[in-house]
């Protein structure tokens, strides 16, 4: 009944700047600055993702630049102190990489990013080969859909299908992503379903459901 949900493949960036395990520290930092990104996938062979190197992975070198960590600090921060001495991507990257498939839904990607506290996800196929990258900003692209586009989809995928006999009595208006459904429908039991399905349309910000059913005799 509902429209096909947007997937990561619909919003991801396919032109990806990546590095290899042997890429030097300074080259990594230079690439981040040049391309204005906060993380880079690390690939080997035919594009298989083996890790991700982020700004956070590079910071220990600066943090420990002026002082050498004591034994206790080293014990508590083994990962950071090891990265501080790294000179190549393979020494500082986070591995295995947190990745996502192209057919994952946008809520799945958002949940993964929030749970892992990361801003960008490499998108890989079943073999782990890099296909793109998706960022938090990419997930928000659905909210750039026009009000007219949303209204057309809601009428086609929700109203016309749920209320085939009374769909012409339903008015769908959208203003800045906020949807209002008004009118009288034949089957009042489906009003809640109509509201839920409308809210699930990608790009909808809020739903005001003012549908009514005929009073029972």
C-alpha atoms as a PDB file:
ATOM      1  CA  UNK A   1       0.000   0.000   0.000  1.00  0.00           C
ATOM      2  CA  UNK A   2       2.770   2.440   0.873  1.00  0.00           C
ATOM      3  CA  UNK A   3       5.180   3.992  -1.631  1.00  0.00           C
ATOM      4  CA  UNK A   4       8.585   2.443  -2.076  1.00  0.00           C
ATOM      5  CA  UNK A   5      10.876   3.915   0.594  1.00  0.00           C
ATOM      6  CA  UNK A   6      13.952   5.835  -0.426  1.00  0.00           C
ATOM      7  CA  UNK A   7      17.168   3.898  -0.060  1.00  0.00           C
ATOM      8  CA  UNK A   8      20.779   4.857   0.523  1.00  0.00           C
ATOM      9  CA  UNK A   9      21.392   4.386  -3.215  1.00  0.00           C
ATOM     10  CA  UNK A  10      18.945   7.229  -3.933  1.00  0.00           C
ATOM     11  CA  UNK A  11      20.888   9.839  -1.946  1.00  0.00           C
ATOM     12  CA  UNK A  12      24.491   8.632  -1.682  1.00  0.00           C
ATOM     13  CA  UNK A  13      27.450  10.335  -3.347  1.00  0.00           C
ATOM     14  CA  UNK A  14      29.033   8.050  -5.921  1.00  0.00           C
ATOM     15  CA  UNK A  15      32.184  10.113  -6.459  1.00  0.00           C
ATOM     16  CA  UNK A  16      34.203   9.107  -3.428  1.00  0.00           C
ATOM     17  CA  UNK A  17      37.665  10.217  -2.357  1.00  0.00           C
ATOM     18  CA  UNK A  18      39.431   7.202  -0.851  1.00  0.00           C
ATOM     19  CA  UNK A  19      42.919   6.269   0.282  1.00  0.00           C
ATOM     20  CA  UNK A  20      44.853   3.017   0.446  1.00  0.00           C
ATOM     21  CA  UNK A  21      46.465   1.404   3.507  1.00  0.00           C
ATOM     22  CA  UNK A  22      49.860   2.759   2.402  1.00  0.00           C
ATOM     23  CA  UNK A  23      48.735   6.388   2.021  1.00  0.00           C
ATOM     24  CA  UNK A  24      50.911   8.627   4.164  1.00  0.00           C
ATOM     25  CA  UNK A  25      49.663  10.646   7.138  1.00  0.00           C
ATOM     26  CA  UNK A  26      50.233  14.043   5.545  1.00  0.00           C
ATOM     27  CA  UNK A  27      48.541  12.944   2.319  1.00  0.00           C
ATOM     28  CA  UNK A  28      45.475  11.893   4.320  1.00  0.00           C
ATOM     29  CA  UNK A  29      45.303  15.261   6.074  1.00  0.00           C
ATOM     30  CA  UNK A  30      45.805  17.067   2.763  1.00  0.00           C
ATOM     31  CA  UNK A  31      42.990  15.102   1.099  1.00  0.00           C
ATOM     32  CA  UNK A  32      40.589  15.884   3.953  1.00  0.00           C
ATOM     33  CA  UNK A  33      41.355  19.585   3.682  1.00  0.00           C
ATOM     34  CA  UNK A  34      41.187  19.692  -0.107  1.00  0.00           C
ATOM     35  CA  UNK A  35      37.884  17.838  -0.394  1.00  0.00           C
ATOM     36  CA  UNK A  36      36.362  19.248   2.811  1.00  0.00           C
ATOM     37  CA  UNK A  37      35.535  15.849   4.305  1.00  0.00           C
ATOM     38  CA  UNK A  38      35.961  14.560   7.841  1.00  0.00           C
ATOM     39  CA  UNK A  39      36.587  10.903   6.993  1.00  0.00           C
ATOM     40  CA  UNK A  40      37.964   8.808   4.145  1.00  0.00           C
ATOM     41  CA  UNK A  41      37.377   5.136   3.351  1.00  0.00           C
ATOM     42  CA  UNK A  42      40.495   3.005   3.094  1.00  0.00           C
ATOM     43  CA  UNK A  43      40.374   0.556   0.197  1.00  0.00           C
ATOM     44  CA  UNK A  44      42.580  -2.162  -1.204  1.00  0.00           C
ATOM     45  CA  UNK A  45      42.550  -4.394  -4.269  1.00  0.00           C
ATOM     46  CA  UNK A  46      39.531  -3.771  -6.476  1.00  0.00           C
ATOM     47  CA  UNK A  47      37.970  -1.327  -4.066  1.00  0.00           C
ATOM     48  CA  UNK A  48      37.237  -3.455  -1.004  1.00  0.00           C
ATOM     49  CA  UNK A  49      36.782  -1.281   2.083  1.00  0.00           C
ATOM     50  CA  UNK A  50      39.144  -2.326   4.877  1.00  0.00           C
ATOM     51  CA  UNK A  51      38.742   0.647   7.177  1.00  0.00           C
ATOM     52  CA  UNK A  52      37.949   4.312   7.598  1.00  0.00           C
ATOM     53  CA  UNK A  53      40.302   7.079   8.671  1.00  0.00           C
ATOM     54  CA  UNK A  54      38.709  10.134  10.241  1.00  0.00           C
ATOM     55  CA  UNK A  55      39.815  13.392  11.797  1.00  0.00           C
ATOM     56  CA  UNK A  56      39.463  11.703  15.185  1.00  0.00           C
ATOM     57  CA  UNK A  57      41.971   9.060  14.090  1.00  0.00           C
ATOM     58  CA  UNK A  58      44.519  11.752  13.188  1.00  0.00           C
ATOM     59  CA  UNK A  59      44.148  13.888  16.301  1.00  0.00           C
ATOM     60  CA  UNK A  60      46.241  11.715  18.678  1.00  0.00           C
ATOM     61  CA  UNK A  61      49.382  12.650  16.734  1.00  0.00           C
ATOM     62  CA  UNK A  62      48.726  16.317  17.492  1.00  0.00           C
ATOM     63  CA  UNK A  63      47.582  15.619  21.050  1.00  0.00           C
ATOM     64  CA  UNK A  64      50.779  13.764  21.946  1.00  0.00           C
ATOM     65  CA  UNK A  65      53.025  15.995  19.859  1.00  0.00           C
ATOM     66  CA  UNK A  66      54.361  18.023  22.807  1.00  0.00           C
ATOM     67  CA  UNK A  67      54.345  15.364  25.502  1.00  0.00           C
ATOM     68  CA  UNK A  68      54.929  11.662  25.596  1.00  0.00           C
ATOM     69  CA  UNK A  69      52.173   9.769  27.406  1.00  0.00           C
ATOM     70  CA  UNK A  70      53.123   8.128  30.677  1.00  0.00           C
ATOM     71  CA  UNK A  71      52.845   4.413  31.259  1.00  0.00           C
ATOM     72  CA  UNK A  72      49.426   4.654  32.934  1.00  0.00           C
ATOM     73  CA  UNK A  73      48.058   6.858  30.158  1.00  0.00           C
ATOM     74  CA  UNK A  74      49.419   4.460  27.554  1.00  0.00           C
ATOM     75  CA  UNK A  75      47.665   1.548  29.267  1.00  0.00           C
ATOM     76  CA  UNK A  76      44.347   3.365  29.310  1.00  0.00           C
ATOM     77  CA  UNK A  77      44.619   4.682  25.767  1.00  0.00           C
ATOM     78  CA  UNK A  78      46.411   1.969  23.839  1.00  0.00           C
ATOM     79  CA  UNK A  79      44.536   2.712  20.630  1.00  0.00           C
ATOM     80  CA  UNK A  80      45.218   6.446  20.669  1.00  0.00           C
ATOM     81  CA  UNK A  81      48.878   6.134  21.600  1.00  0.00           C
ATOM     82  CA  UNK A  82      49.374   3.596  18.807  1.00  0.00           C
ATOM     83  CA  UNK A  83      47.745   5.953  16.331  1.00  0.00           C
ATOM     84  CA  UNK A  84      49.919   8.821  17.528  1.00  0.00           C
ATOM     85  CA  UNK A  85      52.936   6.939  16.220  1.00  0.00           C
ATOM     86  CA  UNK A  86      51.304   5.947  12.943  1.00  0.00           C
ATOM     87  CA  UNK A  87      52.599   7.231   9.635  1.00  0.00           C
ATOM     88  CA  UNK A  88      50.240   5.538   7.173  1.00  0.00           C
ATOM     89  CA  UNK A  89      46.511   4.929   6.837  1.00  0.00           C
ATOM     90  CA  UNK A  90      46.831   1.315   7.948  1.00  0.00           C
ATOM     91  CA  UNK A  91      48.348   2.509  11.253  1.00  0.00           C
ATOM     92  CA  UNK A  92      45.638   5.010  12.153  1.00  0.00           C
ATOM     93  CA  UNK A  93      42.442   3.801  10.474  1.00  0.00           C
ATOM     94  CA  UNK A  94      39.466   2.371  12.302  1.00  0.00           C
ATOM     95  CA  UNK A  95      38.955  -1.222  11.202  1.00  0.00           C
ATOM     96  CA  UNK A  96      36.730  -2.983  10.412  1.00  0.00           C
ATOM     97  CA  UNK A  97      34.819  -0.106   8.893  1.00  0.00           C
ATOM     98  CA  UNK A  98      31.187   0.550   9.733  1.00  0.00           C
ATOM     99  CA  UNK A  99      29.494   0.282   6.339  1.00  0.00           C
ATOM    100  CA  UNK A 100      26.015   0.089   4.869  1.00  0.00           C
ATOM    101  CA  UNK A 101      24.433  -1.499   1.780  1.00  0.00           C
ATOM    102  CA  UNK A 102      22.903   0.545  -1.075  1.00  0.00           C
ATOM    103  CA  UNK A 103      19.458  -0.997  -0.509  1.00  0.00           C
ATOM    104  CA  UNK A 104      19.285   0.028   3.155  1.00  0.00           C
ATOM    105  CA  UNK A 105      16.541   2.514   3.975  1.00  0.00           C
ATOM    106  CA  UNK A 106      17.294   6.042   5.122  1.00  0.00           C
ATOM    107  CA  UNK A 107      15.981   5.399   8.661  1.00  0.00           C
ATOM    108  CA  UNK A 108      18.334   2.398   8.889  1.00  0.00           C
ATOM    109  CA  UNK A 109      21.272   4.585   7.860  1.00  0.00           C
ATOM    110  CA  UNK A 110      20.278   7.324  10.301  1.00  0.00           C
ATOM    111  CA  UNK A 111      19.943   4.789  13.125  1.00  0.00           C
ATOM    112  CA  UNK A 112      23.386   3.349  12.380  1.00  0.00           C
ATOM    113  CA  UNK A 113      25.021   6.780  12.264  1.00  0.00           C
ATOM    114  CA  UNK A 114      23.403   7.840  15.523  1.00  0.00           C
ATOM    115  CA  UNK A 115      24.245   4.597  17.283  1.00  0.00           C
ATOM    116  CA  UNK A 116      27.897   4.660  16.227  1.00  0.00           C
ATOM    117  CA  UNK A 117      28.300   8.455  16.509  1.00  0.00           C
ATOM    118  CA  UNK A 118      29.600   8.815  12.962  1.00  0.00           C
ATOM    119  CA  UNK A 119      28.839  11.347  10.238  1.00  0.00           C
ATOM    120  CA  UNK A 120      29.577   9.368   7.064  1.00  0.00           C
ATOM    121  CA  UNK A 121      29.147   5.739   6.008  1.00  0.00           C
ATOM    122  CA  UNK A 122      30.909   3.956   3.145  1.00  0.00           C
ATOM    123  CA  UNK A 123      28.328   2.229   0.960  1.00  0.00           C
ATOM    124  CA  UNK A 124      29.416  -1.241  -0.133  1.00  0.00           C
ATOM    125  CA  UNK A 125      27.994  -4.130  -2.121  1.00  0.00           C
ATOM    126  CA  UNK A 126      27.763  -7.742  -0.956  1.00  0.00           C
ATOM    127  CA  UNK A 127      31.489  -8.224  -1.607  1.00  0.00           C
ATOM    128  CA  UNK A 128      32.473  -5.190   0.448  1.00  0.00           C
ATOM    129  CA  UNK A 129      33.389  -3.152  -2.636  1.00  0.00           C
ATOM    130  CA  UNK A 130      32.987   0.604  -2.309  1.00  0.00           C
ATOM    131  CA  UNK A 131      29.998   1.987  -4.245  1.00  0.00           C
ATOM    132  CA  UNK A 132      29.569   5.394  -2.665  1.00  0.00           C
ATOM    133  CA  UNK A 133      29.384   7.278   0.584  1.00  0.00           C
ATOM    134  CA  UNK A 134      26.386   8.616   2.470  1.00  0.00           C
ATOM    135  CA  UNK A 135      26.500  11.473   4.952  1.00  0.00           C
ATOM    136  CA  UNK A 136      24.096  13.001   7.431  1.00  0.00           C
ATOM    137  CA  UNK A 137      23.457  15.773   4.916  1.00  0.00           C
ATOM    138  CA  UNK A 138      22.545  13.201   2.255  1.00  0.00           C
ATOM    139  CA  UNK A 139      19.861  11.750   4.521  1.00  0.00           C
ATOM    140  CA  UNK A 140      18.201  15.167   4.673  1.00  0.00           C
ATOM    141  CA  UNK A 141      17.903  15.454   0.878  1.00  0.00           C
ATOM    142  CA  UNK A 142      14.401  13.958   0.977  1.00  0.00           C
ATOM    143  CA  UNK A 143      13.202  17.100   2.730  1.00  0.00           C
ATOM    144  CA  UNK A 144      14.115  19.079  -0.384  1.00  0.00           C
ATOM    145  CA  UNK A 145      11.229  17.483  -2.299  1.00  0.00           C
ATOM    146  CA  UNK A 146       8.693  20.077  -3.449  1.00  0.00           C
ATOM    147  CA  UNK A 147       5.254  20.393  -1.879  1.00  0.00           C
ATOM    148  CA  UNK A 148       3.697  19.577  -5.254  1.00  0.00           C
ATOM    149  CA  UNK A 149       5.717  16.374  -5.535  1.00  0.00           C
ATOM    150  CA  UNK A 150       4.675  15.293  -2.050  1.00  0.00           C
ATOM    151  CA  UNK A 151       1.011  16.068  -2.675  1.00  0.00           C
ATOM    152  CA  UNK A 152       1.038  14.064  -5.906  1.00  0.00           C
ATOM    153  CA  UNK A 153       2.638  11.029  -4.248  1.00  0.00           C
ATOM    154  CA  UNK A 154       0.318  11.121  -1.235  1.00  0.00           C
ATOM    155  CA  UNK A 155      -2.761  11.249  -3.440  1.00  0.00           C
ATOM    156  CA  UNK A 156      -1.511   8.455  -5.688  1.00  0.00           C
ATOM    157  CA  UNK A 157      -0.104   6.069  -3.077  1.00  0.00           C
ATOM    158  CA  UNK A 158      -2.349   6.763  -0.090  1.00  0.00           C
ATOM    159  CA  UNK A 159      -5.645   8.479  -0.872  1.00  0.00           C
ATOM    160  CA  UNK A 160      -6.491   6.848  -4.211  1.00  0.00           C
ATOM    161  CA  UNK A 161      -5.605   3.378  -2.939  1.00  0.00           C
ATOM    162  CA  UNK A 162      -7.190   3.532   0.509  1.00  0.00           C
ATOM    163  CA  UNK A 163     -10.363   5.296  -0.554  1.00  0.00           C
ATOM    164  CA  UNK A 164     -11.197   4.201  -4.122  1.00  0.00           C
ATOM    165  CA  UNK A 165     -14.860   5.200  -3.732  1.00  0.00           C
ATOM    166  CA  UNK A 166     -14.456   8.512  -1.937  1.00  0.00           C
ATOM    167  CA  UNK A 167     -10.985   9.696  -2.964  1.00  0.00           C
ATOM    168  CA  UNK A 168     -12.379  12.657  -4.889  1.00  0.00           C
ATOM    169  CA  UNK A 169     -13.813  14.029  -1.643  1.00  0.00           C
ATOM    170  CA  UNK A 170     -10.359  14.130  -0.043  1.00  0.00           C
ATOM    171  CA  UNK A 171      -8.236  17.259  -0.322  1.00  0.00           C
ATOM    172  CA  UNK A 172      -4.461  16.992   0.038  1.00  0.00           C
ATOM    173  CA  UNK A 173      -2.596  20.218   0.726  1.00  0.00           C
ATOM    174  CA  UNK A 174       1.123  20.539   1.481  1.00  0.00           C
ATOM    175  CA  UNK A 175       2.904  23.647   2.737  1.00  0.00           C
ATOM    176  CA  UNK A 176       6.646  23.471   3.494  1.00  0.00           C
ATOM    177  CA  UNK A 177       6.395  19.706   3.911  1.00  0.00           C
ATOM    178  CA  UNK A 178       3.440  19.866   6.315  1.00  0.00           C
ATOM    179  CA  UNK A 179       0.522  17.821   4.972  1.00  0.00           C
ATOM    180  CA  UNK A 180      -3.146  18.429   5.675  1.00  0.00           C
ATOM    181  CA  UNK A 181      -5.762  15.848   4.753  1.00  0.00           C
ATOM    182  CA  UNK A 182      -9.375  17.057   4.762  1.00  0.00           C
ATOM    183  CA  UNK A 183     -12.678  15.649   3.560  1.00  0.00           C
ATOM    184  CA  UNK A 184     -15.153  12.875   4.201  1.00  0.00           C
ATOM    185  CA  UNK A 185     -14.354   9.248   3.428  1.00  0.00           C
ATOM    186  CA  UNK A 186     -16.595   6.210   3.228  1.00  0.00           C
ATOM    187  CA  UNK A 187     -14.544   3.978   5.543  1.00  0.00           C
ATOM    188  CA  UNK A 188     -13.684   5.644   8.829  1.00  0.00           C
ATOM    189  CA  UNK A 189     -11.652   2.647   9.977  1.00  0.00           C
ATOM    190  CA  UNK A 190      -8.955   3.588   7.470  1.00  0.00           C
ATOM    191  CA  UNK A 191      -8.460   7.176   8.609  1.00  0.00           C
ATOM    192  CA  UNK A 192      -5.704   6.208  11.075  1.00  0.00           C
ATOM    193  CA  UNK A 193      -3.987   4.149   8.382  1.00  0.00           C
ATOM    194  CA  UNK A 194      -4.130   7.086   5.981  1.00  0.00           C
ATOM    195  CA  UNK A 195      -2.447   9.333   8.529  1.00  0.00           C
ATOM    196  CA  UNK A 196       0.275   6.776   9.251  1.00  0.00           C
ATOM    197  CA  UNK A 197       1.028   6.093   5.585  1.00  0.00           C
ATOM    198  CA  UNK A 198       1.101   9.801   4.777  1.00  0.00           C
ATOM    199  CA  UNK A 199       3.600  10.399   7.548  1.00  0.00           C
ATOM    200  CA  UNK A 200       5.836   7.634   6.162  1.00  0.00           C
ATOM    201  CA  UNK A 201       6.174   9.313   2.750  1.00  0.00           C
ATOM    202  CA  UNK A 202       9.788  10.457   2.424  1.00  0.00           C
ATOM    203  CA  UNK A 203      10.076  14.207   2.864  1.00  0.00           C
ATOM    204  CA  UNK A 204       6.924  14.744   4.919  1.00  0.00           C
ATOM    205  CA  UNK A 205       7.605  16.922   7.966  1.00  0.00           C
ATOM    206  CA  UNK A 206       4.248  16.666   9.735  1.00  0.00           C
ATOM    207  CA  UNK A 207       0.690  15.475   9.083  1.00  0.00           C
ATOM    208  CA  UNK A 208      -2.609  17.099  10.081  1.00  0.00           C
ATOM    209  CA  UNK A 209      -5.347  14.544   9.483  1.00  0.00           C
ATOM    210  CA  UNK A 210      -8.831  16.092   9.398  1.00  0.00           C
ATOM    211  CA  UNK A 211     -10.588  13.299   7.571  1.00  0.00           C
ATOM    212  CA  UNK A 212     -14.084  12.432   8.721  1.00  0.00           C
ATOM    213  CA  UNK A 213     -16.407   9.498   8.217  1.00  0.00           C
ATOM    214  CA  UNK A 214     -20.215   9.607   7.867  1.00  0.00           C
ATOM    215  CA  UNK A 215     -22.010   9.514  11.203  1.00  0.00           C
ATOM    216  CA  UNK A 216     -23.361   6.087  12.142  1.00  0.00           C
ATOM    217  CA  UNK A 217     -27.152   5.818  11.734  1.00  0.00           C
END
